[in-house]
Protein backbone atom coordinates (compact mmCIF):
# COMPACT_ATOMS: atom_id res chain seq x y z
CA MET A 1 0.00 0.00 0.00
CA ALA A 2 2.81 2.41 0.88
CA SER A 3 4.62 1.67 -2.39
CA GLU A 4 1.40 2.28 -4.30
CA ARG A 5 0.99 5.69 -2.61
CA ARG A 6 4.59 6.52 -3.50
CA SER A 7 3.97 5.54 -7.13
CA LEU A 8 0.93 7.85 -7.26
CA ALA A 9 2.73 10.83 -5.74
CA PRO A 10 4.54 11.95 -8.94
CA LEU A 11 1.26 11.72 -10.87
CA LEU A 12 -0.60 13.76 -8.25
CA ALA A 13 2.13 16.41 -8.31
CA VAL A 14 2.10 16.74 -12.09
CA CYS A 15 -1.68 16.67 -12.37
CA ALA A 16 -2.08 19.40 -9.74
CA GLY A 17 -0.08 21.78 -11.93
CA TYR A 18 -1.92 20.81 -15.10
CA PHE A 19 -5.27 21.19 -13.32
CA MET A 20 -4.48 24.82 -12.44
CA VAL A 21 -3.59 25.64 -16.03
CA ILE A 22 -6.79 24.24 -17.55
CA LEU A 23 -8.97 25.59 -14.75
CA ASP A 24 -7.77 29.12 -15.47
CA VAL A 25 -8.86 28.76 -19.10
CA THR A 26 -12.48 28.03 -18.13
CA VAL A 27 -13.08 29.58 -14.70
CA ILE A 28 -12.51 33.13 -15.96
CA ASN A 29 -15.43 33.08 -18.41
CA VAL A 30 -18.09 33.46 -15.71
CA ALA A 31 -16.08 36.09 -13.79
CA VAL A 32 -15.17 38.41 -16.68
CA PRO A 33 -18.45 40.42 -16.79
CA VAL A 34 -18.19 41.17 -13.05
CA ILE A 35 -14.49 42.01 -13.33
CA GLY A 36 -15.24 44.42 -16.18
CA ARG A 37 -17.84 46.27 -14.11
CA GLU A 38 -15.77 46.48 -10.92
CA LEU A 39 -12.56 47.59 -12.65
CA SER A 40 -14.34 49.80 -15.25
CA ALA A 41 -12.66 47.88 -18.06
CA SER A 42 -13.36 48.60 -21.71
CA LEU A 43 -14.55 45.87 -24.07
CA THR A 44 -10.98 45.53 -25.37
CA GLY A 45 -9.70 45.24 -21.81
CA ILE A 46 -12.22 42.51 -21.02
CA GLN A 47 -11.18 40.59 -24.13
CA TRP A 48 -7.51 40.81 -23.18
CA ILE A 49 -8.21 39.50 -19.66
CA THR A 50 -9.35 36.28 -21.34
CA ASP A 51 -7.30 36.19 -24.54
CA GLY A 52 -3.97 37.47 -23.16
CA TYR A 53 -3.51 34.34 -21.06
CA THR A 54 -4.31 32.04 -24.00
CA LEU A 55 -2.01 33.90 -26.41
CA VAL A 56 1.07 33.75 -24.18
CA PHE A 57 0.28 30.16 -23.16
CA ALA A 58 0.07 28.96 -26.77
CA GLY A 59 2.97 31.08 -28.00
CA PHE A 60 5.55 29.97 -25.43
CA LEU A 61 4.78 26.24 -25.20
CA LEU A 62 7.68 25.27 -27.47
CA THR A 63 9.97 27.56 -25.49
CA GLY A 64 8.89 25.81 -22.30
CA GLY A 65 9.57 22.42 -23.87
CA ALA A 66 13.04 23.42 -25.08
CA LEU A 67 13.93 24.88 -21.67
CA GLY A 68 12.78 21.65 -19.99
CA ASP A 69 15.00 19.49 -22.19
CA ARG A 70 17.99 21.79 -21.60
CA LEU A 71 17.64 22.65 -17.90
CA GLY A 72 15.69 19.62 -16.66
CA ASN A 73 11.94 19.19 -16.83
CA ARG A 74 11.45 19.06 -13.05
CA ARG A 75 13.28 22.35 -12.56
CA VAL A 76 11.34 24.14 -15.32
CA PHE A 77 8.03 22.62 -14.17
CA CYS A 78 8.56 23.91 -10.62
CA ALA A 79 9.61 27.30 -11.93
CA GLY A 80 6.43 27.42 -14.03
CA VAL A 81 4.26 26.55 -11.02
CA ALA A 82 5.98 29.28 -8.97
CA VAL A 83 5.48 31.88 -11.72
CA PHE A 84 1.86 30.82 -12.17
CA THR A 85 1.12 30.96 -8.42
CA VAL A 86 2.74 34.37 -7.84
CA SER A 87 1.05 35.87 -10.90
CA SER A 88 -2.31 34.45 -9.71
CA ALA A 89 -1.81 36.39 -6.47
CA ALA A 90 -1.03 39.48 -8.54
CA CYS A 91 -4.25 38.93 -10.53
CA ALA A 92 -6.27 38.71 -7.30
CA LEU A 93 -4.74 41.94 -5.96
CA ALA A 94 -4.86 43.91 -9.24
CA PRO A 95 -6.39 47.38 -8.67
CA SER A 96 -6.98 48.09 -12.37
CA ALA A 97 -7.78 46.29 -15.61
CA ALA A 98 -4.35 47.12 -17.08
CA LEU A 99 -2.49 45.50 -14.17
CA LEU A 100 -4.83 42.51 -14.28
CA VAL A 101 -4.07 42.02 -17.99
CA ALA A 102 -0.32 42.25 -17.29
CA ALA A 103 -0.59 39.66 -14.52
CA ARG A 104 -2.62 37.37 -16.80
CA LEU A 105 0.13 37.55 -19.43
CA VAL A 106 2.70 36.41 -16.85
CA GLU A 107 0.28 33.70 -15.73
CA GLY A 108 0.16 32.43 -19.33
CA LEU A 109 3.97 32.26 -19.33
CA GLY A 110 3.87 30.12 -16.19
CA ALA A 111 1.32 27.83 -17.85
CA ALA A 112 3.59 27.44 -20.90
CA LEU A 113 6.40 26.23 -18.60
CA ILE A 114 4.11 23.81 -16.72
CA VAL A 115 2.38 21.87 -19.49
CA PRO A 116 5.35 20.51 -21.52
CA GLY A 117 7.07 19.42 -18.32
CA SER A 118 3.95 17.69 -17.04
CA LEU A 119 3.92 15.09 -19.83
CA ALA A 120 7.70 14.74 -19.81
CA LEU A 121 7.72 14.05 -16.06
CA ILE A 122 5.01 11.41 -16.44
CA GLN A 123 7.11 9.78 -19.17
CA GLN A 124 10.08 9.83 -16.81
CA ALA A 125 8.24 8.60 -13.69
CA TYR A 126 6.41 5.71 -15.39
CA PRO A 127 8.74 3.99 -17.89
CA ALA A 128 6.58 0.85 -18.19
CA ARG A 129 4.07 1.22 -21.02
CA ALA A 130 1.02 -0.01 -19.05
CA GLU A 131 1.69 2.31 -16.11
CA ARG A 132 2.44 5.21 -18.44
CA SER A 133 -0.80 4.72 -20.38
CA ARG A 134 -2.82 4.79 -17.17
CA ALA A 135 -0.93 7.89 -16.04
CA PHE A 136 -1.61 9.62 -19.36
CA GLY A 137 -5.27 8.73 -18.90
CA VAL A 138 -5.38 10.39 -15.49
CA TRP A 139 -3.50 13.41 -16.90
CA GLY A 140 -6.08 13.71 -19.67
CA SER A 141 -8.95 13.44 -17.21
CA MET A 142 -7.58 16.51 -15.40
CA ALA A 143 -8.58 18.60 -18.40
CA GLY A 144 -12.13 17.27 -18.14
CA ILE A 145 -12.33 17.83 -14.40
CA ALA A 146 -10.96 21.37 -14.70
CA ALA A 147 -13.15 22.19 -17.70
CA SER A 148 -16.28 20.97 -15.94
CA ALA A 149 -15.39 22.55 -12.59
CA GLY A 150 -14.40 25.91 -14.10
CA PRO A 151 -17.79 27.43 -14.97
CA LEU A 152 -19.46 25.99 -11.87
CA LEU A 153 -16.68 27.01 -9.49
CA GLY A 154 -16.43 30.44 -11.10
CA GLY A 155 -20.16 31.01 -10.72
CA VAL A 156 -20.12 29.97 -7.05
CA LEU A 157 -17.07 32.07 -6.16
CA VAL A 158 -18.22 35.19 -8.00
CA SER A 159 -21.69 35.06 -6.42
CA THR A 160 -20.40 34.43 -2.88
CA VAL A 161 -16.90 35.68 -2.01
CA GLY A 162 -16.10 37.71 -5.13
CA TRP A 163 -14.15 37.39 -8.37
CA ARG A 164 -10.70 37.77 -6.78
CA TRP A 165 -11.07 34.28 -5.28
CA VAL A 166 -11.12 32.90 -8.81
CA PHE A 167 -7.35 33.55 -8.72
CA LEU A 168 -6.68 33.05 -5.01
CA ILE A 169 -7.70 29.37 -5.19
CA ASN A 170 -4.53 28.77 -7.22
CA LEU A 171 -2.28 29.65 -4.28
CA PRO A 172 -2.77 26.55 -2.10
CA VAL A 173 -2.86 24.28 -5.17
CA GLY A 174 0.42 25.75 -6.43
CA ALA A 175 2.10 25.40 -3.04
CA VAL A 176 1.06 21.74 -2.70
CA CYS A 177 2.18 21.06 -6.27
CA VAL A 178 5.70 22.41 -5.68
CA VAL A 179 6.09 20.48 -2.40
CA LEU A 180 4.90 17.19 -3.94
CA THR A 181 7.12 17.64 -7.00
CA LEU A 182 10.28 18.37 -5.02
CA ARG A 183 9.65 15.47 -2.63
CA HIS A 184 8.39 12.75 -4.96
CA VAL A 185 9.54 13.49 -8.53
CA ALA A 186 13.10 12.53 -9.42
CA ARG A 187 15.49 15.06 -10.92
CA SER A 188 15.30 15.16 -14.69
CA PRO A 189 18.28 14.68 -17.01
CA ARG A 190 19.70 17.89 -18.47
CA LEU A 191 21.02 18.47 -21.97
CA ALA A 192 23.20 21.41 -21.02
CA ALA A 193 25.02 21.28 -24.36
CA ARG A 194 21.80 21.99 -26.18
CA SER A 195 21.69 25.74 -26.77
CA LEU A 196 18.49 27.76 -27.03
CA ASP A 197 17.97 29.11 -30.53
CA TRP A 198 16.41 32.47 -29.67
CA PRO A 199 15.66 33.61 -33.27
CA ALA A 200 13.66 30.41 -33.80
CA GLN A 201 11.97 30.83 -30.41
CA CYS A 202 10.91 34.38 -31.35
CA ALA A 203 9.64 33.20 -34.74
CA VAL A 204 7.44 30.44 -33.29
CA VAL A 205 6.10 32.76 -30.58
CA ALA A 206 5.23 35.33 -33.24
CA ALA A 207 3.62 32.71 -35.51
CA VAL A 208 1.42 31.19 -32.80
CA ALA A 209 0.50 34.55 -31.24
CA LEU A 210 -0.38 36.10 -34.61
CA LEU A 211 -2.40 33.09 -35.71
CA THR A 212 -4.26 32.82 -32.41
CA SER A 213 -4.98 36.57 -32.40
CA ALA A 214 -6.24 36.44 -35.98
CA LEU A 215 -8.47 33.46 -35.25
CA ASN A 216 -9.90 35.13 -32.16
CA GLU A 217 -10.61 38.28 -34.16
CA ALA A 218 -12.17 36.24 -36.98
CA GLY A 219 -14.94 35.21 -34.64
CA ARG A 220 -15.79 38.88 -34.08
CA ARG A 221 -14.81 40.60 -37.35
CA GLY A 222 -15.33 37.89 -39.95
CA TRP A 223 -12.79 35.91 -41.98
CA THR A 224 -12.43 38.51 -44.75
CA ASP A 225 -11.60 41.43 -42.44
CA PRO A 226 -8.23 43.04 -43.43
CA ALA A 227 -6.88 42.75 -39.89
CA VAL A 228 -7.66 39.01 -39.81
CA LEU A 229 -6.12 38.39 -43.24
CA ALA A 230 -3.04 40.40 -42.29
CA GLY A 231 -2.66 38.42 -39.05
CA VAL A 232 -2.90 35.08 -40.89
CA GLY A 233 -0.44 36.28 -43.55
CA LEU A 234 2.09 37.46 -40.97
CA ALA A 235 1.67 34.19 -39.06
CA VAL A 236 2.51 32.24 -42.25
CA LEU A 237 5.60 34.41 -42.80
CA ALA A 238 6.73 33.88 -39.20
CA ALA A 239 6.20 30.11 -39.58
CA ALA A 240 8.24 30.12 -42.78
CA ALA A 241 11.01 32.04 -41.02
CA PHE A 242 10.92 29.45 -38.24
CA VAL A 243 11.32 26.56 -40.70
CA VAL A 244 14.21 28.31 -42.49
CA ARG A 245 15.95 29.01 -39.19
CA GLU A 246 15.44 25.42 -37.98
CA ARG A 247 17.08 24.08 -41.13
CA MET A 248 20.15 26.22 -40.41
CA ALA A 249 20.37 25.83 -36.62
CA ARG A 250 22.85 23.45 -35.00
CA SER A 251 20.49 22.88 -32.08
CA PRO A 252 16.93 23.50 -33.33
CA VAL A 253 13.97 24.18 -31.05
CA LEU A 254 11.86 21.63 -32.94
CA PRO A 255 14.14 19.32 -34.92
CA LEU A 256 12.51 18.92 -38.31
CA SER A 257 13.49 15.24 -38.22
CA LEU A 258 10.81 14.80 -35.54
CA LEU A 259 8.15 15.92 -38.01
CA ARG A 260 9.21 13.20 -40.42
CA SER A 261 7.95 10.68 -37.88
CA ARG A 262 4.45 9.63 -39.00
CA ALA A 263 3.44 8.94 -35.40
CA MET A 264 4.70 12.33 -34.15
CA SER A 265 3.24 14.56 -36.87
CA GLY A 266 0.07 12.49 -37.30
CA GLY A 267 -0.60 12.38 -33.55
CA ALA A 268 -0.19 16.15 -33.34
CA VAL A 269 -2.66 16.75 -36.19
CA ILE A 270 -5.14 14.39 -34.52
CA GLY A 271 -4.82 16.47 -31.36
CA LEU A 272 -5.48 19.64 -33.37
CA LEU A 273 -8.58 18.14 -34.98
CA PHE A 274 -10.23 16.79 -31.85
CA ASN A 275 -9.63 20.03 -29.94
CA PHE A 276 -11.09 21.87 -32.94
CA GLY A 277 -14.25 19.76 -32.80
CA PHE A 278 -14.72 19.70 -29.03
CA TYR A 279 -14.04 23.34 -28.17
CA GLY A 280 -15.95 24.53 -31.22
CA MET A 281 -18.91 22.48 -29.98
CA VAL A 282 -18.63 23.84 -26.42
CA PHE A 283 -18.41 27.45 -27.67
CA ALA A 284 -21.40 27.09 -30.01
CA ALA A 285 -23.39 25.31 -27.29
CA SER A 286 -22.63 28.09 -24.80
CA LEU A 287 -23.95 30.71 -27.21
CA ASP A 288 -26.98 28.58 -28.02
CA PHE A 289 -27.87 28.00 -24.37
CA GLN A 290 -27.43 31.62 -23.26
CA HIS A 291 -28.58 33.63 -26.30
CA GLN A 292 -31.21 31.36 -27.79
CA ARG A 293 -32.53 29.35 -24.85
CA GLY A 294 -32.17 32.02 -22.14
CA PHE A 295 -29.94 30.06 -19.75
CA SER A 296 -27.91 31.96 -17.14
CA ALA A 297 -24.12 31.59 -17.00
CA LEU A 298 -24.35 29.13 -14.12
CA SER A 299 -27.18 27.22 -15.81
CA THR A 300 -25.05 27.03 -18.97
CA GLY A 301 -22.22 25.49 -16.95
CA LEU A 302 -24.65 22.91 -15.61
CA ALA A 303 -26.06 22.26 -19.08
CA LEU A 304 -22.56 21.62 -20.46
CA PHE A 305 -21.66 19.33 -17.58
CA PRO A 306 -22.70 16.07 -19.32
CA ALA A 307 -20.19 16.75 -22.12
CA VAL A 308 -17.21 17.68 -19.97
CA ALA A 309 -18.01 15.14 -17.23
CA MET A 310 -17.62 12.30 -19.73
CA THR A 311 -14.03 13.38 -20.36
CA MET A 312 -13.07 12.41 -16.78
CA PHE A 313 -14.37 8.87 -17.18
CA ALA A 314 -13.20 8.30 -20.75
CA SER A 315 -9.54 9.25 -20.19
CA VAL A 316 -9.12 6.85 -17.28
CA LEU A 317 -10.96 4.05 -19.11
CA SER A 318 -8.87 4.41 -22.27
CA GLY A 319 -5.68 4.39 -20.21
CA ARG A 320 -6.70 1.05 -18.70
CA LEU A 321 -7.80 -0.47 -22.02
CA SER A 322 -4.80 0.55 -24.08
CA ARG A 323 -2.52 -2.20 -22.75
CA ARG A 324 -5.00 -4.78 -24.06
CA THR A 325 -6.02 -3.22 -27.35
CA GLY A 326 -3.21 -0.81 -28.20
CA ASP A 327 -3.86 2.87 -28.93
CA ARG A 328 -5.13 2.73 -32.50
CA PRO A 329 -8.58 1.14 -31.86
CA LEU A 330 -9.24 3.55 -29.00
CA VAL A 331 -8.38 6.68 -30.99
CA ILE A 332 -10.40 5.54 -34.01
CA SER A 333 -13.48 4.51 -32.00
CA GLY A 334 -13.35 7.69 -29.94
CA MET A 335 -13.23 9.90 -33.01
CA LEU A 336 -16.03 8.00 -34.75
CA LEU A 337 -18.25 8.27 -31.66
CA ALA A 338 -17.58 12.01 -31.34
CA SER A 339 -18.28 12.50 -35.05
CA LEU A 340 -21.60 10.71 -34.67
CA GLY A 341 -22.55 12.95 -31.76
CA LEU A 342 -21.95 16.18 -33.67
CA ALA A 343 -23.60 14.75 -36.80
CA VAL A 344 -26.79 14.16 -34.80
CA TRP A 345 -26.71 17.76 -33.57
CA ALA A 346 -26.07 19.02 -37.11
CA ALA A 347 -29.08 17.07 -38.35
CA GLY A 348 -31.38 18.37 -35.60
CA GLY A 349 -30.12 21.95 -35.38
CA SER A 350 -31.44 24.49 -32.90
CA ALA A 351 -34.89 22.84 -32.88
CA LEU A 352 -33.64 19.97 -30.70
CA ALA A 353 -34.86 20.23 -27.10
CA TYR A 354 -32.10 20.23 -24.47
CA PRO A 355 -32.79 16.65 -23.25
CA LEU A 356 -32.18 15.43 -26.81
CA LEU A 357 -28.79 17.22 -26.87
CA VAL A 358 -27.43 15.43 -23.82
CA ALA A 359 -26.52 12.22 -25.68
CA PRO A 360 -24.73 14.02 -28.60
CA MET A 361 -22.77 16.17 -26.13
CA MET A 362 -21.81 13.13 -24.08
CA ALA A 363 -20.70 11.32 -27.24
CA ALA A 364 -18.46 14.23 -28.25
CA GLY A 365 -16.98 14.59 -24.76
CA PHE A 366 -16.42 10.87 -24.30
CA GLY A 367 -15.00 10.33 -27.78
CA THR A 368 -12.58 13.27 -27.55
CA SER A 369 -11.17 12.20 -24.21
CA PHE A 370 -11.15 8.52 -25.18
CA ALA A 371 -8.83 9.42 -28.06
CA LEU A 372 -6.67 11.81 -26.04
CA THR A 373 -4.77 9.13 -24.10
CA GLY A 374 -3.83 7.18 -27.23
CA SER A 375 -2.77 10.22 -29.23
CA THR A 376 -0.72 11.50 -26.29
CA ALA A 377 1.01 8.13 -25.92
CA THR A 378 1.65 8.06 -29.68
CA VAL A 379 3.36 11.46 -29.74
CA MET A 380 5.38 10.92 -26.57
CA GLY A 381 6.35 7.40 -27.62
CA ALA A 382 7.75 8.75 -30.89
CA ALA A 383 9.99 11.28 -29.10
CA PRO A 384 13.69 10.35 -29.12
CA PRO A 385 15.62 10.49 -25.81
CA GLY A 386 16.17 14.04 -24.64
CA HIS A 387 13.28 15.51 -26.61
CA SER A 388 10.28 14.58 -24.45
CA GLY A 389 9.72 18.20 -23.40
CA THR A 390 9.83 19.36 -27.01
CA ALA A 391 7.42 16.62 -28.12
CA SER A 392 4.99 17.51 -25.34
CA ALA A 393 5.20 21.21 -26.23
CA PHE A 394 4.62 20.50 -29.93
CA PHE A 395 1.58 18.33 -29.20
CA ASN A 396 0.02 20.88 -26.85
CA THR A 397 0.75 23.77 -29.23
CA THR A 398 -1.17 22.06 -32.02
CA ARG A 399 -4.04 21.36 -29.61
CA GLN A 400 -4.18 25.04 -28.59
CA ILE A 401 -4.28 26.06 -32.26
CA GLY A 402 -7.12 23.57 -32.77
CA SER A 403 -9.07 25.06 -29.84
CA ALA A 404 -8.63 28.63 -31.10
CA THR A 405 -9.60 27.65 -34.65
CA GLY A 406 -12.70 25.79 -33.49
CA VAL A 407 -13.92 28.70 -31.37
CA ALA A 408 -13.18 31.28 -34.07
CA LEU A 409 -14.82 29.28 -36.86
CA GLY A 410 -17.84 28.49 -34.68
CA GLY A 411 -18.37 32.17 -33.91
CA SER A 412 -17.82 33.22 -37.50
CA LEU A 413 -20.31 30.68 -38.87
CA LEU A 414 -22.98 31.77 -36.39
CA ALA A 415 -22.37 35.44 -37.21
CA SER A 416 -22.20 35.15 -41.00
CA ALA A 417 -24.89 32.54 -41.75
CA THR A 418 -28.22 33.64 -43.26
CA ASP A 419 -29.96 32.44 -40.08
CA TYR A 420 -28.89 31.12 -36.70
CA ASP A 421 -30.03 27.55 -37.32
CA THR A 422 -28.00 27.29 -40.53
CA GLY A 423 -24.88 28.58 -38.76
CA LEU A 424 -25.29 26.10 -35.90
CA ARG A 425 -25.87 23.15 -38.23
CA THR A 426 -22.88 24.08 -40.39
CA GLY A 427 -20.60 24.45 -37.37
CA MET A 428 -21.57 21.07 -35.97
CA ALA A 429 -21.19 19.44 -39.40
CA VAL A 430 -17.67 20.88 -39.77
CA GLY A 431 -16.79 19.57 -36.30
CA ALA A 432 -18.12 16.11 -37.20
CA LEU A 433 -15.98 16.16 -40.37
CA ALA A 434 -12.90 17.10 -38.32
CA TYR A 435 -13.49 14.12 -36.01
CA LEU A 436 -13.97 11.83 -39.02
CA THR A 437 -10.71 13.07 -40.54
CA ALA A 438 -8.94 12.41 -37.25
CA ALA A 439 -10.24 8.82 -37.28
CA GLY A 440 -8.77 8.31 -40.76
CA LEU A 441 -5.43 9.77 -39.67
CA ALA A 442 -5.39 7.50 -36.63
CA TRP A 443 -5.69 4.46 -38.90
CA LEU A 444 -2.61 5.64 -40.81
CA CYS A 445 -0.46 7.15 -38.05
CA VAL A 446 -1.20 5.60 -34.66
CA PRO A 447 0.85 2.41 -34.23
CA ALA A 448 -1.02 -0.84 -33.75
CA LYS A 449 -0.39 -2.87 -30.60
CA SER A 450 1.93 -5.25 -32.45
CA GLU A 451 4.04 -2.31 -33.66
CA ARG A 452 4.51 -1.09 -30.08
CA ALA A 453 5.53 -4.44 -28.71
């Protein structure tokens, strides 16, 4: 029993940090209107309170992964938790919207240091494939728990003790996370000879930040707006500059040889596609519930609970099943189930009563999370020694891009369609197609059980 508790301690430490990161993505949504009123924030300021965190988080993930490989993933993970915790305190104490936005940007930087290290430390702590698959399943379920708890917890805190407690709850979690990590997670190997290629780092930060900003604006301005087109064009140029620099660099941030691995690149694209489908569905459902059905913010959180609650169960289940079946059947079946769920919603449209939407939402939530464990194991298993932090960062960067694209496209379709029902149906159909594409990629790219043996 004691040895079992010791074996769980590294997982608990890592998952506590990851939980904070995902919780801060969702918990803020309910609090933002109240924050805007109390701090007299403009509409732009309110948007930056939410988007600033996401932009820095997505933009610096690869930097966090490269730092982890060079300096040691445990050291960088703990540094990220410390930065995240201190900046959360700064958010809670912020006297103005400008200072709150600045603190949120630093919080996003802490998140970018935490997430790559979290997967790398699990890989390090659980070398046996069966144990590692179960650990990845628990790690994936943290996203579901945080996503489901966020709106509900935010609503309760804002309506009782005030919005500042949305950030203060991170302080005890962060402290426990650092203590558990230092006591129970072994020191990580360091590749001190691997230099940090700062021009490439700046290029990838610019590419991800520009693309994410453009996609966020597309949901508000439309896809043909000059600012959106300029942002996408500049993001493409920054990405091209990154590729050119990586070809020349002696120690690249993301070795292009990694992308030649079918499992690595295919697993990352699968992650992009299922985040695209799931978060696009959640965003469209939130608008539908509040603007069309008249639900309150807290009622919307409760209405979405069946979808996000399934992610907790599915991740753990897939982690347990993978040692028997391998990852490929789980990823394919998860994506097909999620595609079916969104296809049913696309067929029914806004006319479907809420009770009839519960099953499609549960299918999408279960299928997405059921595939997450296998795709995570595929990407991390393809990483050569010394590049686990980079592989984790690459995988999570593509997932963040998928989330931003799904939300932006969902908003744009609802805004530009001839009527609301058409926009909702089209958005759900596109999400179903993304899931179906991911299932096809899984057949080609996720190794079968025999290939892993």
